Amino acid sequence: MPAVTIRNLSEETHRALKVRAAQQGRSTEAEIRHILEQAVRPASRIRLGSLLAEIGRSAGLTDLDCAVFDDLRDKTVSEPEAME
């Protein structure tokens, strides 16, 4: 699993992180992971599949309409590129 080192963190910030972690019942490291996870993967983020499904619903597409797209799709099996 990847690791990240944060240099030059102020004592005040480190102390605040320790307090926040204790309030949440987590280690400082676990709290930092939690903060980073929430920052880069918020629960409110737009998920592409859900967005596309909503667009289809709002356009009134049915499963039969979508089957047309599947019939038009290129079904040729691709060959992997040779690594030389």
N, C-alpha and C. Protein backbone atom coordinates (compact mmCIF):
# COMPACT_ATOMS: atom_id res chain seq x y z
N MET A 1 0.85 -1.17 0.00
CA MET A 1 0.00 0.00 0.00
C MET A 1 0.90 1.23 0.00
N PRO A 2 0.53 2.26 -0.77
CA PRO A 2 1.34 3.47 -0.84
C PRO A 2 1.43 4.18 0.50
N ALA A 3 2.52 4.90 0.69
CA ALA A 3 2.72 5.69 1.90
C ALA A 3 3.06 7.12 1.50
N VAL A 4 2.66 8.06 2.34
CA VAL A 4 2.92 9.48 2.08
C VAL A 4 3.60 10.06 3.31
N THR A 5 4.64 10.85 3.09
CA THR A 5 5.30 11.55 4.18
C THR A 5 4.99 13.03 4.04
N ILE A 6 4.58 13.65 5.13
CA ILE A 6 4.28 15.08 5.11
C ILE A 6 5.35 15.79 5.93
N ARG A 7 6.10 16.64 5.27
CA ARG A 7 7.18 17.36 5.95
C ARG A 7 6.72 18.77 6.29
N ASN A 8 7.39 19.35 7.25
CA ASN A 8 7.19 20.75 7.65
C ASN A 8 5.76 21.05 8.11
N LEU A 9 5.14 20.09 8.78
CA LEU A 9 3.83 20.30 9.37
C LEU A 9 4.03 21.07 10.67
N SER A 10 3.28 22.13 10.84
CA SER A 10 3.48 22.94 12.04
C SER A 10 3.06 22.16 13.29
N GLU A 11 3.66 22.52 14.41
CA GLU A 11 3.32 21.87 15.68
C GLU A 11 1.84 22.07 16.01
N GLU A 12 1.32 23.26 15.70
CA GLU A 12 -0.09 23.55 15.98
C GLU A 12 -1.01 22.62 15.18
N THR A 13 -0.68 22.42 13.91
CA THR A 13 -1.49 21.55 13.07
C THR A 13 -1.41 20.11 13.56
N HIS A 14 -0.22 19.66 13.90
CA HIS A 14 -0.04 18.30 14.39
C HIS A 14 -0.81 18.10 15.69
N ARG A 15 -0.75 19.05 16.57
CA ARG A 15 -1.47 18.97 17.84
C ARG A 15 -2.98 18.94 17.59
N ALA A 16 -3.47 19.78 16.66
CA ALA A 16 -4.90 19.80 16.33
C ALA A 16 -5.35 18.47 15.73
N LEU A 17 -4.49 17.87 14.93
CA LEU A 17 -4.82 16.57 14.35
C LEU A 17 -4.91 15.50 15.45
N LYS A 18 -4.00 15.55 16.40
CA LYS A 18 -4.02 14.59 17.50
C LYS A 18 -5.29 14.74 18.33
N VAL A 19 -5.70 15.99 18.59
CA VAL A 19 -6.92 16.24 19.36
C VAL A 19 -8.13 15.75 18.60
N ARG A 20 -8.19 16.09 17.32
CA ARG A 20 -9.32 15.66 16.48
C ARG A 20 -9.40 14.14 16.42
N ALA A 21 -8.26 13.47 16.28
CA ALA A 21 -8.23 12.01 16.23
C ALA A 21 -8.76 11.43 17.54
N ALA A 22 -8.32 11.99 18.67
CA ALA A 22 -8.77 11.49 19.97
C ALA A 22 -10.27 11.67 20.12
N GLN A 23 -10.81 12.78 19.64
CA GLN A 23 -12.25 13.02 19.72
C GLN A 23 -13.04 12.00 18.90
N GLN A 24 -12.45 11.53 17.84
CA GLN A 24 -13.11 10.54 16.98
C GLN A 24 -12.78 9.10 17.36
N GLY A 25 -11.92 8.94 18.35
CA GLY A 25 -11.52 7.60 18.77
C GLY A 25 -10.61 6.91 17.79
N ARG A 26 -9.81 7.68 17.07
CA ARG A 26 -8.89 7.13 16.07
C ARG A 26 -7.46 7.54 16.42
N SER A 27 -6.53 6.82 15.83
CA SER A 27 -5.14 7.24 15.93
C SER A 27 -4.96 8.47 15.03
N THR A 28 -3.88 9.18 15.24
CA THR A 28 -3.60 10.36 14.40
C THR A 28 -3.46 9.93 12.95
N GLU A 29 -2.78 8.84 12.71
CA GLU A 29 -2.61 8.35 11.34
C GLU A 29 -3.95 8.00 10.71
N ALA A 30 -4.82 7.32 11.46
CA ALA A 30 -6.13 6.96 10.93
C ALA A 30 -6.96 8.21 10.66
N GLU A 31 -6.83 9.21 11.50
CA GLU A 31 -7.58 10.46 11.30
C GLU A 31 -7.10 11.17 10.04
N ILE A 32 -5.81 11.20 9.81
CA ILE A 32 -5.26 11.82 8.60
C ILE A 32 -5.76 11.07 7.36
N ARG A 33 -5.77 9.74 7.42
CA ARG A 33 -6.32 8.95 6.29
C ARG A 33 -7.77 9.31 6.05
N HIS A 34 -8.54 9.42 7.14
CA HIS A 34 -9.96 9.75 7.02
C HIS A 34 -10.14 11.13 6.38
N ILE A 35 -9.38 12.12 6.82
CA ILE A 35 -9.47 13.47 6.27
C ILE A 35 -9.14 13.47 4.78
N LEU A 36 -8.06 12.80 4.41
CA LEU A 36 -7.66 12.75 3.00
C LEU A 36 -8.71 12.03 2.16
N GLU A 37 -9.24 10.93 2.66
CA GLU A 37 -10.26 10.17 1.94
C GLU A 37 -11.50 11.03 1.70
N GLN A 38 -11.94 11.76 2.71
CA GLN A 38 -13.11 12.63 2.57
C GLN A 38 -12.83 13.78 1.59
N ALA A 39 -11.60 14.25 1.56
CA ALA A 39 -11.26 15.37 0.68
C ALA A 39 -11.25 14.96 -0.79
N VAL A 40 -10.74 13.78 -1.09
CA VAL A 40 -10.60 13.39 -2.49
C VAL A 40 -11.73 12.50 -2.99
N ARG A 41 -12.49 11.91 -2.07
CA ARG A 41 -13.61 11.05 -2.48
C ARG A 41 -14.86 11.38 -1.67
N PRO A 42 -15.37 12.60 -1.83
CA PRO A 42 -16.55 12.98 -1.03
C PRO A 42 -17.77 12.15 -1.42
N ALA A 43 -18.66 11.94 -0.46
CA ALA A 43 -19.87 11.15 -0.70
C ALA A 43 -20.75 11.79 -1.77
N SER A 44 -20.65 13.10 -1.93
CA SER A 44 -21.51 13.81 -2.88
C SER A 44 -20.94 13.86 -4.29
N ARG A 45 -19.83 13.17 -4.53
CA ARG A 45 -19.22 13.25 -5.86
C ARG A 45 -20.14 12.62 -6.90
N ILE A 46 -20.05 13.09 -8.11
CA ILE A 46 -20.85 12.58 -9.21
C ILE A 46 -20.23 11.28 -9.68
N ARG A 47 -21.04 10.25 -9.75
CA ARG A 47 -20.57 8.95 -10.24
C ARG A 47 -21.03 8.82 -11.69
N LEU A 48 -20.10 8.53 -12.58
CA LEU A 48 -20.36 8.55 -14.01
C LEU A 48 -21.50 7.62 -14.41
N GLY A 49 -21.49 6.39 -13.92
CA GLY A 49 -22.54 5.44 -14.29
C GLY A 49 -23.92 5.92 -13.86
N SER A 50 -24.00 6.44 -12.65
CA SER A 50 -25.28 6.96 -12.15
C SER A 50 -25.72 8.16 -12.97
N LEU A 51 -24.79 9.03 -13.33
CA LEU A 51 -25.11 10.20 -14.13
C LEU A 51 -25.64 9.79 -15.50
N LEU A 52 -24.96 8.84 -16.15
CA LEU A 52 -25.41 8.39 -17.47
C LEU A 52 -26.79 7.72 -17.40
N ALA A 53 -27.02 6.93 -16.35
CA ALA A 53 -28.33 6.30 -16.19
C ALA A 53 -29.41 7.35 -16.01
N GLU A 54 -29.13 8.39 -15.23
CA GLU A 54 -30.10 9.47 -15.02
C GLU A 54 -30.38 10.20 -16.32
N ILE A 55 -29.35 10.44 -17.12
CA ILE A 55 -29.55 11.10 -18.42
C ILE A 55 -30.45 10.24 -19.30
N GLY A 56 -30.22 8.94 -19.31
CA GLY A 56 -31.06 8.04 -20.09
C GLY A 56 -32.50 8.05 -19.63
N ARG A 57 -32.70 8.04 -18.30
CA ARG A 57 -34.06 8.08 -17.76
C ARG A 57 -34.76 9.39 -18.12
N SER A 58 -34.02 10.51 -17.96
CA SER A 58 -34.64 11.81 -18.24
C SER A 58 -34.95 11.96 -19.74
N ALA A 59 -34.21 11.27 -20.59
CA ALA A 59 -34.47 11.30 -22.04
C ALA A 59 -35.57 10.32 -22.41
N GLY A 60 -36.01 9.50 -21.45
CA GLY A 60 -37.09 8.55 -21.71
C GLY A 60 -36.64 7.28 -22.41
N LEU A 61 -35.34 6.96 -22.34
CA LEU A 61 -34.85 5.74 -22.98
C LEU A 61 -35.32 4.50 -22.21
N THR A 62 -35.65 3.48 -22.95
CA THR A 62 -36.06 2.21 -22.35
C THR A 62 -34.97 1.18 -22.59
N ASP A 63 -35.13 0.00 -22.01
CA ASP A 63 -34.16 -1.08 -22.24
C ASP A 63 -34.11 -1.45 -23.71
N LEU A 64 -35.27 -1.39 -24.39
CA LEU A 64 -35.29 -1.70 -25.83
C LEU A 64 -34.49 -0.67 -26.62
N ASP A 65 -34.60 0.60 -26.23
CA ASP A 65 -33.82 1.64 -26.90
C ASP A 65 -32.32 1.38 -26.73
N CYS A 66 -31.95 1.00 -25.53
CA CYS A 66 -30.53 0.74 -25.25
C CYS A 66 -30.03 -0.50 -25.97
N ALA A 67 -30.91 -1.46 -26.22
CA ALA A 67 -30.52 -2.67 -26.95
C ALA A 67 -30.05 -2.32 -28.36
N VAL A 68 -30.62 -1.28 -28.94
CA VAL A 68 -30.20 -0.83 -30.27
C VAL A 68 -28.72 -0.45 -30.24
N PHE A 69 -28.32 0.25 -29.19
CA PHE A 69 -26.91 0.63 -29.07
C PHE A 69 -26.02 -0.61 -28.94
N ASP A 70 -26.49 -1.59 -28.21
CA ASP A 70 -25.71 -2.83 -28.05
C ASP A 70 -25.56 -3.54 -29.39
N ASP A 71 -26.62 -3.51 -30.21
CA ASP A 71 -26.55 -4.14 -31.53
C ASP A 71 -25.57 -3.42 -32.44
N LEU A 72 -25.44 -2.11 -32.27
CA LEU A 72 -24.54 -1.32 -33.12
C LEU A 72 -23.09 -1.38 -32.67
N ARG A 73 -22.87 -1.81 -31.43
CA ARG A 73 -21.52 -1.83 -30.86
C ARG A 73 -20.61 -2.79 -31.62
N ASP A 74 -19.38 -2.38 -31.84
CA ASP A 74 -18.38 -3.24 -32.48
C ASP A 74 -18.02 -4.35 -31.52
N LYS A 75 -18.27 -5.58 -31.91
CA LYS A 75 -18.02 -6.72 -31.03
C LYS A 75 -16.75 -7.48 -31.42
N THR A 76 -15.92 -6.85 -32.26
CA THR A 76 -14.67 -7.48 -32.68
C THR A 76 -13.76 -7.61 -31.46
N VAL A 77 -13.24 -8.81 -31.26
CA VAL A 77 -12.32 -9.03 -30.14
C VAL A 77 -10.97 -8.41 -30.51
N SER A 78 -10.47 -7.58 -29.62
CA SER A 78 -9.19 -6.94 -29.90
C SER A 78 -8.05 -7.81 -29.40
N GLU A 79 -6.96 -7.72 -30.10
CA GLU A 79 -5.76 -8.46 -29.75
C GLU A 79 -4.86 -7.55 -28.91
N PRO A 80 -4.23 -8.09 -27.88
CA PRO A 80 -3.33 -7.27 -27.08
C PRO A 80 -2.12 -6.82 -27.89
N GLU A 81 -1.63 -5.66 -27.59
CA GLU A 81 -0.44 -5.14 -28.25
C GLU A 81 0.78 -5.96 -27.85
N ALA A 82 1.64 -6.20 -28.82
CA ALA A 82 2.87 -6.94 -28.55
C ALA A 82 3.85 -6.03 -27.82
N MET A 83 4.42 -6.54 -26.75
CA MET A 83 5.42 -5.78 -26.00
C MET A 83 6.80 -6.20 -26.46
N GLU A 84 7.48 -5.33 -27.13
CA GLU A 84 8.80 -5.69 -27.67
C GLU A 84 9.90 -4.99 -26.96
